[in-house]
Amino acid sequence: MLDMRVIGANIRSVRKIRGLTQEELAKKAKLSTMSVRRYENGDRIATEKVLANIADALDISSAYLLGWSSIVSRLDDVGLSIDDVADELNIPRDRLEHIANKNDVSSISSMLKIITVATILADETERKATEILNHIKDNLKSLSTPIERVTRDMAQMTQEGQKKVVDYVEDILPRYRTETAPQSPPAPQEGTDTTPPPKGAEGPQDGE
């Protein structure tokens, strides 16, 4: 199916690069100016013959007009290549490139099929990559200790948020303290001097 929004944007972009007005492009492609305007705005679906005429008038391949270059970039982003598309279609790569470089009705029809297959391949590869990434993240979460998870989460908080967490932990600590948790030293009794005597100031030894 033709995506006239993409095709229209490509027509407009290349027309401006070529320094053509809509009227000039219409004349070269044997179209009305209104038709060119509607194609560029994505308001009208062009026939394959019209697209071939527009591609010839702009001196570009019909494949570029259909958005093939964007699809190739996306394939590269997900780790695929034109060879992968050719393998999926069971055609030689040079045959695929030959189709992409022709500007006739049959090549446009073939390119639409090629772009559809390439898009499906990219979508499927991206979906699998996302599933693998999410699986890895889930495993990492299960390996993290509660302390590691709290530390990681607190690092993303403001100081006020961190203080609230600390206050809450201190509030519930007596209820959930483990038996092996280190205890704080007892507070000194009021009026009791806990300062150790200076060296040599010990009391009398036995036998003195």
N, C-alpha and C. Protein backbone atom coordinates (compact mmCIF):
# COMPACT_ATOMS: atom_id res chain seq x y z
N MET A 1 0.85 -1.20 0.00
CA MET A 1 0.00 0.00 0.00
C MET A 1 0.89 1.25 0.00
N LEU A 2 0.50 2.22 -0.81
CA LEU A 2 1.27 3.45 -0.90
C LEU A 2 1.05 4.33 0.33
N ASP A 3 2.15 4.80 0.91
CA ASP A 3 2.04 5.78 1.99
C ASP A 3 2.31 7.15 1.38
N MET A 4 1.24 7.83 0.98
CA MET A 4 1.41 9.08 0.26
C MET A 4 2.00 10.19 1.13
N ARG A 5 1.92 10.05 2.45
CA ARG A 5 2.55 11.06 3.30
C ARG A 5 4.07 11.01 3.13
N VAL A 6 4.61 9.78 3.12
CA VAL A 6 6.05 9.62 2.92
C VAL A 6 6.45 10.02 1.51
N ILE A 7 5.70 9.52 0.53
CA ILE A 7 6.01 9.82 -0.86
C ILE A 7 5.87 11.31 -1.14
N GLY A 8 4.82 11.91 -0.62
CA GLY A 8 4.61 13.35 -0.81
C GLY A 8 5.74 14.17 -0.23
N ALA A 9 6.19 13.79 0.97
CA ALA A 9 7.31 14.51 1.59
C ALA A 9 8.58 14.36 0.76
N ASN A 10 8.79 13.18 0.20
CA ASN A 10 9.97 12.97 -0.65
C ASN A 10 9.88 13.79 -1.94
N ILE A 11 8.70 13.84 -2.54
CA ILE A 11 8.52 14.66 -3.75
C ILE A 11 8.86 16.12 -3.46
N ARG A 12 8.30 16.64 -2.37
CA ARG A 12 8.52 18.04 -2.02
C ARG A 12 10.01 18.31 -1.74
N SER A 13 10.64 17.40 -0.97
CA SER A 13 12.04 17.59 -0.60
C SER A 13 12.94 17.63 -1.83
N VAL A 14 12.77 16.64 -2.72
CA VAL A 14 13.63 16.58 -3.91
C VAL A 14 13.31 17.73 -4.87
N ARG A 15 12.04 18.09 -4.99
CA ARG A 15 11.67 19.21 -5.87
C ARG A 15 12.39 20.48 -5.44
N LYS A 16 12.44 20.73 -4.12
CA LYS A 16 13.11 21.93 -3.63
C LYS A 16 14.61 21.85 -3.84
N ILE A 17 15.18 20.65 -3.65
CA ILE A 17 16.61 20.47 -3.90
C ILE A 17 16.93 20.75 -5.37
N ARG A 18 16.04 20.34 -6.26
CA ARG A 18 16.23 20.56 -7.70
C ARG A 18 15.94 22.01 -8.10
N GLY A 19 15.39 22.78 -7.16
CA GLY A 19 15.09 24.18 -7.46
C GLY A 19 13.88 24.37 -8.35
N LEU A 20 12.94 23.43 -8.27
CA LEU A 20 11.75 23.49 -9.11
C LEU A 20 10.55 23.99 -8.31
N THR A 21 9.67 24.71 -8.99
CA THR A 21 8.38 25.06 -8.39
C THR A 21 7.41 23.92 -8.67
N GLN A 22 6.27 23.96 -8.00
CA GLN A 22 5.25 22.93 -8.26
C GLN A 22 4.78 23.01 -9.71
N GLU A 23 4.70 24.21 -10.25
CA GLU A 23 4.28 24.38 -11.64
C GLU A 23 5.30 23.76 -12.59
N GLU A 24 6.59 23.96 -12.30
CA GLU A 24 7.63 23.42 -13.18
C GLU A 24 7.67 21.89 -13.12
N LEU A 25 7.51 21.35 -11.91
CA LEU A 25 7.48 19.89 -11.78
C LEU A 25 6.27 19.32 -12.51
N ALA A 26 5.14 19.99 -12.36
CA ALA A 26 3.92 19.52 -13.02
C ALA A 26 4.12 19.47 -14.54
N LYS A 27 4.76 20.47 -15.07
CA LYS A 27 5.00 20.52 -16.53
C LYS A 27 5.92 19.38 -16.96
N LYS A 28 6.99 19.13 -16.19
CA LYS A 28 7.94 18.08 -16.55
C LYS A 28 7.31 16.69 -16.43
N ALA A 29 6.44 16.51 -15.44
CA ALA A 29 5.83 15.20 -15.20
C ALA A 29 4.50 15.04 -15.95
N LYS A 30 4.12 16.09 -16.71
CA LYS A 30 2.88 16.06 -17.48
C LYS A 30 1.67 15.89 -16.57
N LEU A 31 1.65 16.71 -15.52
CA LEU A 31 0.56 16.71 -14.56
C LEU A 31 0.05 18.13 -14.38
N SER A 32 -1.09 18.26 -13.71
CA SER A 32 -1.57 19.60 -13.36
C SER A 32 -0.88 20.04 -12.07
N THR A 33 -0.78 21.35 -11.90
CA THR A 33 -0.17 21.88 -10.68
C THR A 33 -0.96 21.45 -9.45
N MET A 34 -2.26 21.41 -9.57
CA MET A 34 -3.12 20.99 -8.45
C MET A 34 -2.82 19.54 -8.06
N SER A 35 -2.58 18.68 -9.05
CA SER A 35 -2.27 17.28 -8.76
C SER A 35 -0.97 17.17 -7.99
N VAL A 36 0.05 17.91 -8.45
CA VAL A 36 1.35 17.89 -7.75
C VAL A 36 1.17 18.35 -6.31
N ARG A 37 0.39 19.40 -6.12
CA ARG A 37 0.16 19.93 -4.77
C ARG A 37 -0.51 18.87 -3.90
N ARG A 38 -1.49 18.17 -4.44
CA ARG A 38 -2.19 17.15 -3.66
C ARG A 38 -1.30 15.95 -3.38
N TYR A 39 -0.47 15.58 -4.33
CA TYR A 39 0.46 14.46 -4.09
C TYR A 39 1.44 14.82 -2.98
N GLU A 40 1.97 16.05 -3.04
CA GLU A 40 2.94 16.48 -2.03
C GLU A 40 2.30 16.54 -0.64
N ASN A 41 1.04 16.92 -0.57
CA ASN A 41 0.34 17.02 0.72
C ASN A 41 -0.18 15.68 1.21
N GLY A 42 -0.05 14.64 0.37
CA GLY A 42 -0.54 13.33 0.75
C GLY A 42 -2.04 13.20 0.67
N ASP A 43 -2.68 14.11 -0.07
CA ASP A 43 -4.14 14.12 -0.17
C ASP A 43 -4.66 13.23 -1.28
N ARG A 44 -3.78 12.81 -2.17
CA ARG A 44 -4.22 11.99 -3.30
C ARG A 44 -3.24 10.84 -3.50
N ILE A 45 -3.77 9.65 -3.77
CA ILE A 45 -2.93 8.49 -4.04
C ILE A 45 -2.55 8.48 -5.51
N ALA A 46 -1.25 8.46 -5.77
CA ALA A 46 -0.77 8.47 -7.16
C ALA A 46 -0.73 7.05 -7.71
N THR A 47 -0.99 6.93 -9.00
CA THR A 47 -0.84 5.62 -9.65
C THR A 47 0.65 5.34 -9.84
N GLU A 48 0.96 4.09 -10.10
CA GLU A 48 2.36 3.73 -10.29
C GLU A 48 2.94 4.41 -11.52
N LYS A 49 2.14 4.63 -12.55
CA LYS A 49 2.61 5.33 -13.74
C LYS A 49 2.94 6.78 -13.42
N VAL A 50 2.08 7.42 -12.64
CA VAL A 50 2.32 8.81 -12.24
C VAL A 50 3.61 8.91 -11.42
N LEU A 51 3.80 7.97 -10.49
CA LEU A 51 5.02 7.99 -9.68
C LEU A 51 6.26 7.82 -10.54
N ALA A 52 6.17 6.95 -11.55
CA ALA A 52 7.30 6.77 -12.45
C ALA A 52 7.61 8.06 -13.20
N ASN A 53 6.57 8.78 -13.62
CA ASN A 53 6.75 10.06 -14.32
C ASN A 53 7.38 11.11 -13.40
N ILE A 54 6.90 11.15 -12.16
CA ILE A 54 7.45 12.13 -11.20
C ILE A 54 8.91 11.81 -10.90
N ALA A 55 9.23 10.52 -10.72
CA ALA A 55 10.62 10.13 -10.45
C ALA A 55 11.52 10.53 -11.62
N ASP A 56 11.06 10.31 -12.86
CA ASP A 56 11.83 10.71 -14.04
C ASP A 56 12.01 12.22 -14.08
N ALA A 57 10.94 12.96 -13.76
CA ALA A 57 10.99 14.42 -13.81
C ALA A 57 11.96 14.97 -12.77
N LEU A 58 12.07 14.28 -11.63
CA LEU A 58 12.98 14.73 -10.56
C LEU A 58 14.37 14.11 -10.69
N ASP A 59 14.54 13.22 -11.67
CA ASP A 59 15.82 12.53 -11.92
C ASP A 59 16.27 11.76 -10.67
N ILE A 60 15.35 10.98 -10.11
CA ILE A 60 15.66 10.10 -8.98
C ILE A 60 15.05 8.74 -9.27
N SER A 61 15.42 7.75 -8.49
CA SER A 61 14.84 6.42 -8.66
C SER A 61 13.47 6.38 -8.00
N SER A 62 12.61 5.57 -8.55
CA SER A 62 11.28 5.41 -7.94
C SER A 62 11.41 4.81 -6.55
N ALA A 63 12.47 4.01 -6.33
CA ALA A 63 12.69 3.41 -5.01
C ALA A 63 12.90 4.49 -3.96
N TYR A 64 13.69 5.52 -4.30
CA TYR A 64 13.91 6.62 -3.36
C TYR A 64 12.59 7.34 -3.08
N LEU A 65 11.81 7.54 -4.14
CA LEU A 65 10.53 8.22 -3.99
C LEU A 65 9.61 7.46 -3.05
N LEU A 66 9.68 6.13 -3.09
CA LEU A 66 8.83 5.29 -2.24
C LEU A 66 9.33 5.19 -0.81
N GLY A 67 10.52 5.73 -0.52
CA GLY A 67 11.05 5.71 0.84
C GLY A 67 12.02 4.58 1.10
N TRP A 68 12.59 4.00 0.05
CA TRP A 68 13.51 2.87 0.21
C TRP A 68 14.74 3.24 1.04
N SER A 69 15.27 4.44 0.85
CA SER A 69 16.48 4.85 1.58
C SER A 69 16.21 4.87 3.09
N SER A 70 15.01 5.29 3.48
CA SER A 70 14.66 5.30 4.90
C SER A 70 14.56 3.88 5.45
N ILE A 71 14.02 2.96 4.62
CA ILE A 71 13.90 1.57 5.04
C ILE A 71 15.28 0.95 5.21
N VAL A 72 16.20 1.26 4.28
CA VAL A 72 17.57 0.74 4.38
C VAL A 72 18.23 1.23 5.67
N SER A 73 18.02 2.49 6.01
CA SER A 73 18.58 3.03 7.25
C SER A 73 18.01 2.31 8.47
N ARG A 74 16.73 2.04 8.44
CA ARG A 74 16.10 1.33 9.56
C ARG A 74 16.63 -0.09 9.67
N LEU A 75 16.81 -0.75 8.52
CA LEU A 75 17.38 -2.10 8.53
C LEU A 75 18.75 -2.08 9.21
N ASP A 76 19.54 -1.08 8.87
CA ASP A 76 20.88 -0.96 9.45
C ASP A 76 20.78 -0.75 10.96
N ASP A 77 19.80 0.03 11.40
CA ASP A 77 19.64 0.30 12.83
C ASP A 77 19.35 -0.97 13.62
N VAL A 78 18.64 -1.92 13.01
CA VAL A 78 18.29 -3.15 13.73
C VAL A 78 19.24 -4.31 13.38
N GLY A 79 20.33 -4.00 12.66
CA GLY A 79 21.33 -5.02 12.38
C GLY A 79 21.04 -5.89 11.18
N LEU A 80 20.22 -5.41 10.26
CA LEU A 80 19.92 -6.15 9.04
C LEU A 80 20.52 -5.44 7.83
N SER A 81 20.51 -6.11 6.70
CA SER A 81 21.06 -5.53 5.47
C SER A 81 20.15 -5.84 4.30
N ILE A 82 20.50 -5.28 3.14
CA ILE A 82 19.75 -5.57 1.91
C ILE A 82 19.84 -7.06 1.59
N ASP A 83 20.98 -7.67 1.92
CA ASP A 83 21.13 -9.11 1.68
C ASP A 83 20.08 -9.92 2.43
N ASP A 84 19.76 -9.49 3.65
CA ASP A 84 18.74 -10.19 4.44
C ASP A 84 17.37 -10.10 3.76
N VAL A 85 17.08 -8.93 3.18
CA VAL A 85 15.81 -8.76 2.48
C VAL A 85 15.79 -9.63 1.23
N ALA A 86 16.91 -9.64 0.50
CA ALA A 86 16.99 -10.46 -0.71
C ALA A 86 16.81 -11.94 -0.36
N ASP A 87 17.42 -12.38 0.74
CA ASP A 87 17.28 -13.78 1.16
C ASP A 87 15.83 -14.10 1.50
N GLU A 88 15.17 -13.17 2.18
CA GLU A 88 13.78 -13.38 2.57
C GLU A 88 12.89 -13.49 1.34
N LEU A 89 13.20 -12.71 0.31
CA LEU A 89 12.42 -12.73 -0.93
C LEU A 89 12.89 -13.83 -1.88
N ASN A 90 14.02 -14.46 -1.52
CA ASN A 90 14.60 -15.52 -2.35
C ASN A 90 14.95 -15.02 -3.76
N ILE A 91 15.56 -13.82 -3.79
CA ILE A 91 16.05 -13.28 -5.06
C ILE A 91 17.49 -12.81 -4.85
N PRO A 92 18.31 -12.77 -5.90
CA PRO A 92 19.69 -12.28 -5.76
C PRO A 92 19.70 -10.79 -5.41
N ARG A 93 20.73 -10.39 -4.70
CA ARG A 93 20.83 -8.97 -4.32
C ARG A 93 20.91 -8.07 -5.54
N ASP A 94 21.66 -8.48 -6.57
CA ASP A 94 21.78 -7.62 -7.75
C ASP A 94 20.43 -7.44 -8.45
N ARG A 95 19.57 -8.46 -8.36
CA ARG A 95 18.23 -8.34 -8.92
C ARG A 95 17.42 -7.31 -8.14
N LEU A 96 17.55 -7.33 -6.83
CA LEU A 96 16.85 -6.36 -5.99
C LEU A 96 17.31 -4.94 -6.32
N GLU A 97 18.62 -4.77 -6.43
CA GLU A 97 19.16 -3.44 -6.73
C GLU A 97 18.75 -2.98 -8.12
N HIS A 98 18.65 -3.92 -9.07
CA HIS A 98 18.22 -3.58 -10.41
C HIS A 98 16.79 -3.04 -10.39
N ILE A 99 15.93 -3.68 -9.61
CA ILE A 99 14.55 -3.22 -9.48
C ILE A 99 14.52 -1.82 -8.86
N ALA A 100 15.35 -1.60 -7.85
CA ALA A 100 15.37 -0.32 -7.15
C ALA A 100 15.84 0.83 -8.03
N ASN A 101 16.61 0.53 -9.06
CA ASN A 101 17.17 1.58 -9.91
C ASN A 101 16.35 1.84 -11.17
N LYS A 102 15.27 1.08 -11.36
CA LYS A 102 14.44 1.27 -12.55
C LYS A 102 13.27 2.20 -12.24
N ASN A 103 12.82 2.91 -13.25
CA ASN A 103 11.67 3.80 -13.09
C ASN A 103 10.56 3.41 -14.05
N ASP A 104 9.92 2.29 -13.79
CA ASP A 104 8.77 1.93 -14.58
C ASP A 104 7.69 1.34 -13.67
N VAL A 105 6.54 1.08 -14.23
CA VAL A 105 5.41 0.62 -13.44
C VAL A 105 5.70 -0.69 -12.73
N SER A 106 6.34 -1.63 -13.44
CA SER A 106 6.61 -2.94 -12.84
C SER A 106 7.61 -2.84 -11.69
N SER A 107 8.59 -1.93 -11.82
CA SER A 107 9.58 -1.79 -10.75
C SER A 107 8.95 -1.18 -9.51
N ILE A 108 8.04 -0.24 -9.69
CA ILE A 108 7.37 0.37 -8.54
C ILE A 108 6.53 -0.66 -7.82
N SER A 109 5.82 -1.49 -8.58
CA SER A 109 5.01 -2.55 -7.98
C SER A 109 5.90 -3.51 -7.19
N SER A 110 7.05 -3.86 -7.77
CA SER A 110 7.98 -4.77 -7.08
C SER A 110 8.59 -4.12 -5.85
N MET A 111 8.92 -2.82 -5.96
CA MET A 111 9.53 -2.13 -4.82
C MET A 111 8.56 -2.04 -3.64
N LEU A 112 7.28 -1.90 -3.93
CA LEU A 112 6.30 -1.85 -2.84
C LEU A 112 6.31 -3.17 -2.07
N LYS A 113 6.43 -4.27 -2.79
CA LYS A 113 6.49 -5.58 -2.13
C LYS A 113 7.79 -5.71 -1.34
N ILE A 114 8.90 -5.24 -1.92
CA ILE A 114 10.19 -5.32 -1.25
C ILE A 114 10.18 -4.49 0.03
N ILE A 115 9.63 -3.28 -0.05
CA ILE A 115 9.57 -2.41 1.12
C ILE A 115 8.69 -3.02 2.20
N THR A 116 7.60 -3.64 1.79
CA THR A 116 6.71 -4.31 2.77
C THR A 116 7.45 -5.41 3.50
N VAL A 117 8.17 -6.26 2.75
CA VAL A 117 8.93 -7.35 3.37
C VAL A 117 10.03 -6.80 4.29
N ALA A 118 10.73 -5.76 3.82
CA ALA A 118 11.80 -5.16 4.62
C ALA A 118 11.25 -4.58 5.92
N THR A 119 10.09 -3.95 5.84
CA THR A 119 9.47 -3.36 7.04
C THR A 119 9.09 -4.44 8.04
N ILE A 120 8.52 -5.54 7.53
CA ILE A 120 8.14 -6.65 8.41
C ILE A 120 9.37 -7.26 9.08
N LEU A 121 10.45 -7.41 8.30
CA LEU A 121 11.70 -7.94 8.85
C LEU A 121 12.23 -7.04 9.96
N ALA A 122 12.24 -5.74 9.71
CA ALA A 122 12.74 -4.79 10.70
C ALA A 122 11.88 -4.80 11.96
N ASP A 123 10.55 -4.84 11.77
CA ASP A 123 9.63 -4.87 12.92
C ASP A 123 9.86 -6.13 13.76
N GLU A 124 10.00 -7.27 13.09
CA GLU A 124 10.17 -8.54 13.80
C GLU A 124 11.50 -8.57 14.54
N THR A 125 12.55 -8.08 13.89
CA THR A 125 13.88 -8.05 14.54
C THR A 125 13.87 -7.13 15.74
N GLU A 126 13.23 -5.99 15.59
CA GLU A 126 13.14 -5.03 16.69
C GLU A 126 12.34 -5.61 17.86
N ARG A 127 11.26 -6.33 17.53
CA ARG A 127 10.43 -6.95 18.58
C ARG A 127 11.23 -7.99 19.35
N LYS A 128 11.97 -8.84 18.62
CA LYS A 128 12.77 -9.86 19.28
C LYS A 128 13.86 -9.24 20.15
N ALA A 129 14.49 -8.18 19.63
CA ALA A 129 15.53 -7.50 20.40
C ALA A 129 14.96 -6.91 21.69
N THR A 130 13.76 -6.36 21.60
CA THR A 130 13.11 -5.79 22.79
C THR A 130 12.78 -6.88 23.80
N GLU A 131 12.31 -8.02 23.32
CA GLU A 131 12.00 -9.13 24.21
C GLU A 131 13.26 -9.61 24.94
N ILE A 132 14.36 -9.73 24.21
CA ILE A 132 15.62 -10.17 24.82
C ILE A 132 16.09 -9.17 25.86
N LEU A 133 16.00 -7.87 25.52
CA LEU A 133 16.44 -6.82 26.45
C LEU A 133 15.60 -6.83 27.72
N ASN A 134 14.29 -6.98 27.56
CA ASN A 134 13.41 -7.03 28.73
C ASN A 134 13.70 -8.26 29.58
N HIS A 135 14.01 -9.38 28.93
CA HIS A 135 14.34 -10.61 29.66
C HIS A 135 15.60 -10.41 30.49
N ILE A 136 16.59 -9.76 29.89
CA ILE A 136 17.85 -9.49 30.60
C ILE A 136 17.59 -8.58 31.80
N LYS A 137 16.76 -7.55 31.58
CA LYS A 137 16.46 -6.62 32.67
C LYS A 137 15.74 -7.34 33.81
N ASP A 138 14.81 -8.23 33.47
CA ASP A 138 14.09 -8.97 34.50
C ASP A 138 15.04 -9.86 35.29
N ASN A 139 15.99 -10.50 34.60
CA ASN A 139 16.96 -11.35 35.29
C ASN A 139 17.85 -10.53 36.21
N LEU A 140 18.25 -9.35 35.76
CA LEU A 140 19.09 -8.49 36.60
C LEU A 140 18.33 -8.05 37.84
N LYS A 141 17.03 -7.77 37.65
CA LYS A 141 16.23 -7.37 38.81
C LYS A 141 16.14 -8.50 39.83
N SER A 142 16.00 -9.73 39.35
CA SER A 142 15.87 -10.86 40.26
C SER A 142 17.20 -11.14 40.98
N LEU A 143 18.32 -10.75 40.35
CA LEU A 143 19.62 -10.97 40.97
C LEU A 143 19.97 -9.88 41.97
N SER A 144 19.32 -8.75 41.88
CA SER A 144 19.62 -7.64 42.78
C SER A 144 19.07 -7.92 44.18
N THR A 145 19.86 -7.61 45.18
CA THR A 145 19.38 -7.73 46.55
C THR A 145 18.50 -6.52 46.85
N PRO A 146 17.64 -6.62 47.88
CA PRO A 146 16.81 -5.47 48.22
C PRO A 146 17.63 -4.21 48.50
N ILE A 147 18.78 -4.38 49.15
CA ILE A 147 19.62 -3.22 49.45
C ILE A 147 20.11 -2.57 48.16
N GLU A 148 20.53 -3.40 47.18
CA GLU A 148 21.00 -2.87 45.91
C GLU A 148 19.88 -2.13 45.18
N ARG A 149 18.68 -2.71 45.25
CA ARG A 149 17.56 -2.07 44.57
C ARG A 149 17.18 -0.74 45.23
N VAL A 150 17.19 -0.72 46.56
CA VAL A 150 16.86 0.52 47.27
C VAL A 150 17.92 1.58 47.00
N THR A 151 19.19 1.15 47.02
CA THR A 151 20.28 2.09 46.75
C THR A 151 20.16 2.68 45.36
N ARG A 152 19.85 1.80 44.38
CA ARG A 152 19.70 2.26 43.00
C ARG A 152 18.55 3.26 42.88
N ASP A 153 17.41 2.93 43.54
CA ASP A 153 16.25 3.80 43.46
C ASP A 153 16.49 5.13 44.18
N MET A 154 17.17 5.08 45.31
CA MET A 154 17.42 6.30 46.08
C MET A 154 18.34 7.25 45.32
N ALA A 155 19.23 6.67 44.51
CA ALA A 155 20.15 7.51 43.73
C ALA A 155 19.40 8.39 42.74
N GLN A 156 18.14 8.01 42.43
CA GLN A 156 17.35 8.79 41.48
C GLN A 156 16.42 9.78 42.19
N MET A 157 16.50 9.82 43.54
CA MET A 157 15.60 10.69 44.30
C MET A 157 16.27 12.01 44.66
N THR A 158 15.43 12.97 44.98
CA THR A 158 15.93 14.22 45.54
C THR A 158 16.34 13.97 46.99
N GLN A 159 17.02 14.93 47.59
CA GLN A 159 17.43 14.78 48.99
C GLN A 159 16.22 14.63 49.90
N GLU A 160 15.15 15.34 49.57
CA GLU A 160 13.94 15.23 50.40
C GLU A 160 13.38 13.82 50.33
N GLY A 161 13.36 13.23 49.14
CA GLY A 161 12.87 11.87 49.00
C GLY A 161 13.74 10.87 49.72
N GLN A 162 15.07 11.06 49.63
CA GLN A 162 15.99 10.16 50.32
C GLN A 162 15.78 10.24 51.84
N LYS A 163 15.54 11.44 52.36
CA LYS A 163 15.32 11.61 53.80
C LYS A 163 14.05 10.88 54.24
N LYS A 164 13.00 10.92 53.41
CA LYS A 164 11.76 10.24 53.75
C LYS A 164 11.98 8.73 53.82
N VAL A 165 12.79 8.21 52.89
CA VAL A 165 13.08 6.77 52.90
C VAL A 165 13.83 6.40 54.18
N VAL A 166 14.84 7.20 54.52
CA VAL A 166 15.63 6.93 55.73
C VAL A 166 14.73 6.99 56.96
N ASP A 167 13.87 8.01 57.03
CA ASP A 167 12.96 8.14 58.18
C ASP A 167 12.06 6.91 58.30
N TYR A 168 11.58 6.43 57.16
CA TYR A 168 10.68 5.28 57.17
C TYR A 168 11.42 4.03 57.63
N VAL A 169 12.66 3.86 57.12
CA VAL A 169 13.45 2.69 57.51
C VAL A 169 13.72 2.71 59.01
N GLU A 170 14.06 3.85 59.55
CA GLU A 170 14.34 3.95 60.98
C GLU A 170 13.08 3.69 61.80
N ASP A 171 11.93 4.03 61.24
CA ASP A 171 10.67 3.84 61.94
C ASP A 171 10.31 2.36 62.06
N ILE A 172 10.56 1.59 60.99
CA ILE A 172 10.16 0.17 61.00
C ILE A 172 11.31 -0.75 61.43
N LEU A 173 12.50 -0.19 61.64
CA LEU A 173 13.65 -1.03 61.99
C LEU A 173 13.45 -1.86 63.24
N PRO A 174 12.92 -1.31 64.35
CA PRO A 174 12.76 -2.15 65.55
C PRO A 174 11.87 -3.37 65.31
N ARG A 175 10.89 -3.25 64.43
CA ARG A 175 9.97 -4.35 64.18
C ARG A 175 10.61 -5.47 63.34
N TYR A 176 11.53 -5.08 62.42
CA TYR A 176 12.07 -6.05 61.48
C TYR A 176 13.56 -6.32 61.67
N ARG A 177 14.15 -5.84 62.76
CA ARG A 177 15.58 -6.04 62.97
C ARG A 177 15.89 -7.54 63.11
N THR A 178 16.95 -7.99 62.44
CA THR A 178 17.35 -9.39 62.57
C THR A 178 18.07 -9.60 63.88
N GLU A 179 18.09 -10.86 64.36
CA GLU A 179 18.74 -11.16 65.64
C GLU A 179 20.24 -10.95 65.55
N THR A 180 20.79 -11.05 64.34
CA THR A 180 22.25 -10.92 64.19
C THR A 180 22.65 -9.51 63.83
N ALA A 181 21.67 -8.60 63.73
CA ALA A 181 22.02 -7.23 63.35
C ALA A 181 22.83 -6.59 64.46
N PRO A 182 23.88 -5.82 64.14
CA PRO A 182 24.69 -5.16 65.16
C PRO A 182 23.85 -4.18 65.96
N GLN A 183 24.02 -4.23 67.27
CA GLN A 183 23.27 -3.35 68.13
C GLN A 183 24.07 -2.07 68.40
N SER A 184 23.34 -0.99 68.57
CA SER A 184 24.01 0.25 68.93
C SER A 184 24.49 0.17 70.37
N PRO A 185 25.62 0.80 70.71
CA PRO A 185 26.10 0.76 72.11
C PRO A 185 25.09 1.42 73.02
N PRO A 186 24.92 0.90 74.27
CA PRO A 186 23.94 1.50 75.19
C PRO A 186 24.29 2.94 75.51
N ALA A 187 23.27 3.72 75.67
CA ALA A 187 23.48 5.13 75.98
C ALA A 187 23.99 5.25 77.41
N PRO A 188 24.94 6.15 77.67
CA PRO A 188 25.47 6.31 79.04
C PRO A 188 24.40 6.79 79.99
N GLN A 189 24.45 6.26 81.25
CA GLN A 189 23.50 6.69 82.26
C GLN A 189 23.80 8.11 82.68
N GLU A 190 22.75 8.84 82.97
CA GLU A 190 22.94 10.24 83.37
C GLU A 190 23.72 10.31 84.67
N GLY A 191 24.71 11.13 84.71
CA GLY A 191 25.53 11.31 85.91
C GLY A 191 26.66 10.32 86.01
N THR A 192 26.80 9.43 85.05
CA THR A 192 27.89 8.45 85.10
C THR A 192 29.02 8.89 84.20
N ASP A 193 30.21 8.92 84.75
CA ASP A 193 31.38 9.31 83.97
C ASP A 193 31.91 8.08 83.25
N THR A 194 31.82 8.12 81.94
CA THR A 194 32.26 6.97 81.14
C THR A 194 33.64 7.19 80.55
N THR A 195 34.31 8.30 80.97
CA THR A 195 35.64 8.58 80.43
C THR A 195 36.66 7.67 81.09
N PRO A 196 37.46 6.92 80.31
CA PRO A 196 38.45 6.02 80.94
C PRO A 196 39.51 6.83 81.67
N PRO A 197 40.02 6.29 82.80
CA PRO A 197 41.04 7.03 83.58
C PRO A 197 42.32 7.11 82.78
N PRO A 198 43.08 8.18 82.98
CA PRO A 198 44.36 8.32 82.26
C PRO A 198 45.31 7.20 82.63
N LYS A 199 46.24 6.90 81.72
CA LYS A 199 47.20 5.84 81.94
C LYS A 199 48.04 6.14 83.18
N GLY A 200 48.21 5.14 84.04
CA GLY A 200 49.00 5.32 85.25
C GLY A 200 48.19 5.82 86.42
N ALA A 201 46.92 6.09 86.21
CA ALA A 201 46.11 6.64 87.28
C ALA A 201 45.21 5.59 87.88
N GLU A 202 45.48 4.27 87.57
CA GLU A 202 44.65 3.23 88.11
C GLU A 202 44.75 3.23 89.65
N GLY A 203 43.81 2.62 90.26
CA GLY A 203 43.77 2.54 91.72
C GLY A 203 44.88 1.67 92.24
N PRO A 204 45.02 1.53 93.56
CA PRO A 204 46.10 0.71 94.17
C PRO A 204 45.95 -0.74 93.77
N GLN A 205 47.10 -1.38 93.45
CA GLN A 205 47.13 -2.78 93.09
C GLN A 205 47.15 -3.64 94.34
N ASP A 206 46.78 -4.90 94.23
CA ASP A 206 46.80 -5.79 95.37
C ASP A 206 48.21 -5.91 95.91
N GLY A 207 48.31 -5.86 97.20
CA GLY A 207 49.61 -6.05 97.86
C GLY A 207 50.31 -4.75 98.08
N GLU A 208 49.78 -3.62 97.65
CA GLU A 208 50.46 -2.34 97.88
C GLU A 208 50.02 -1.79 99.21
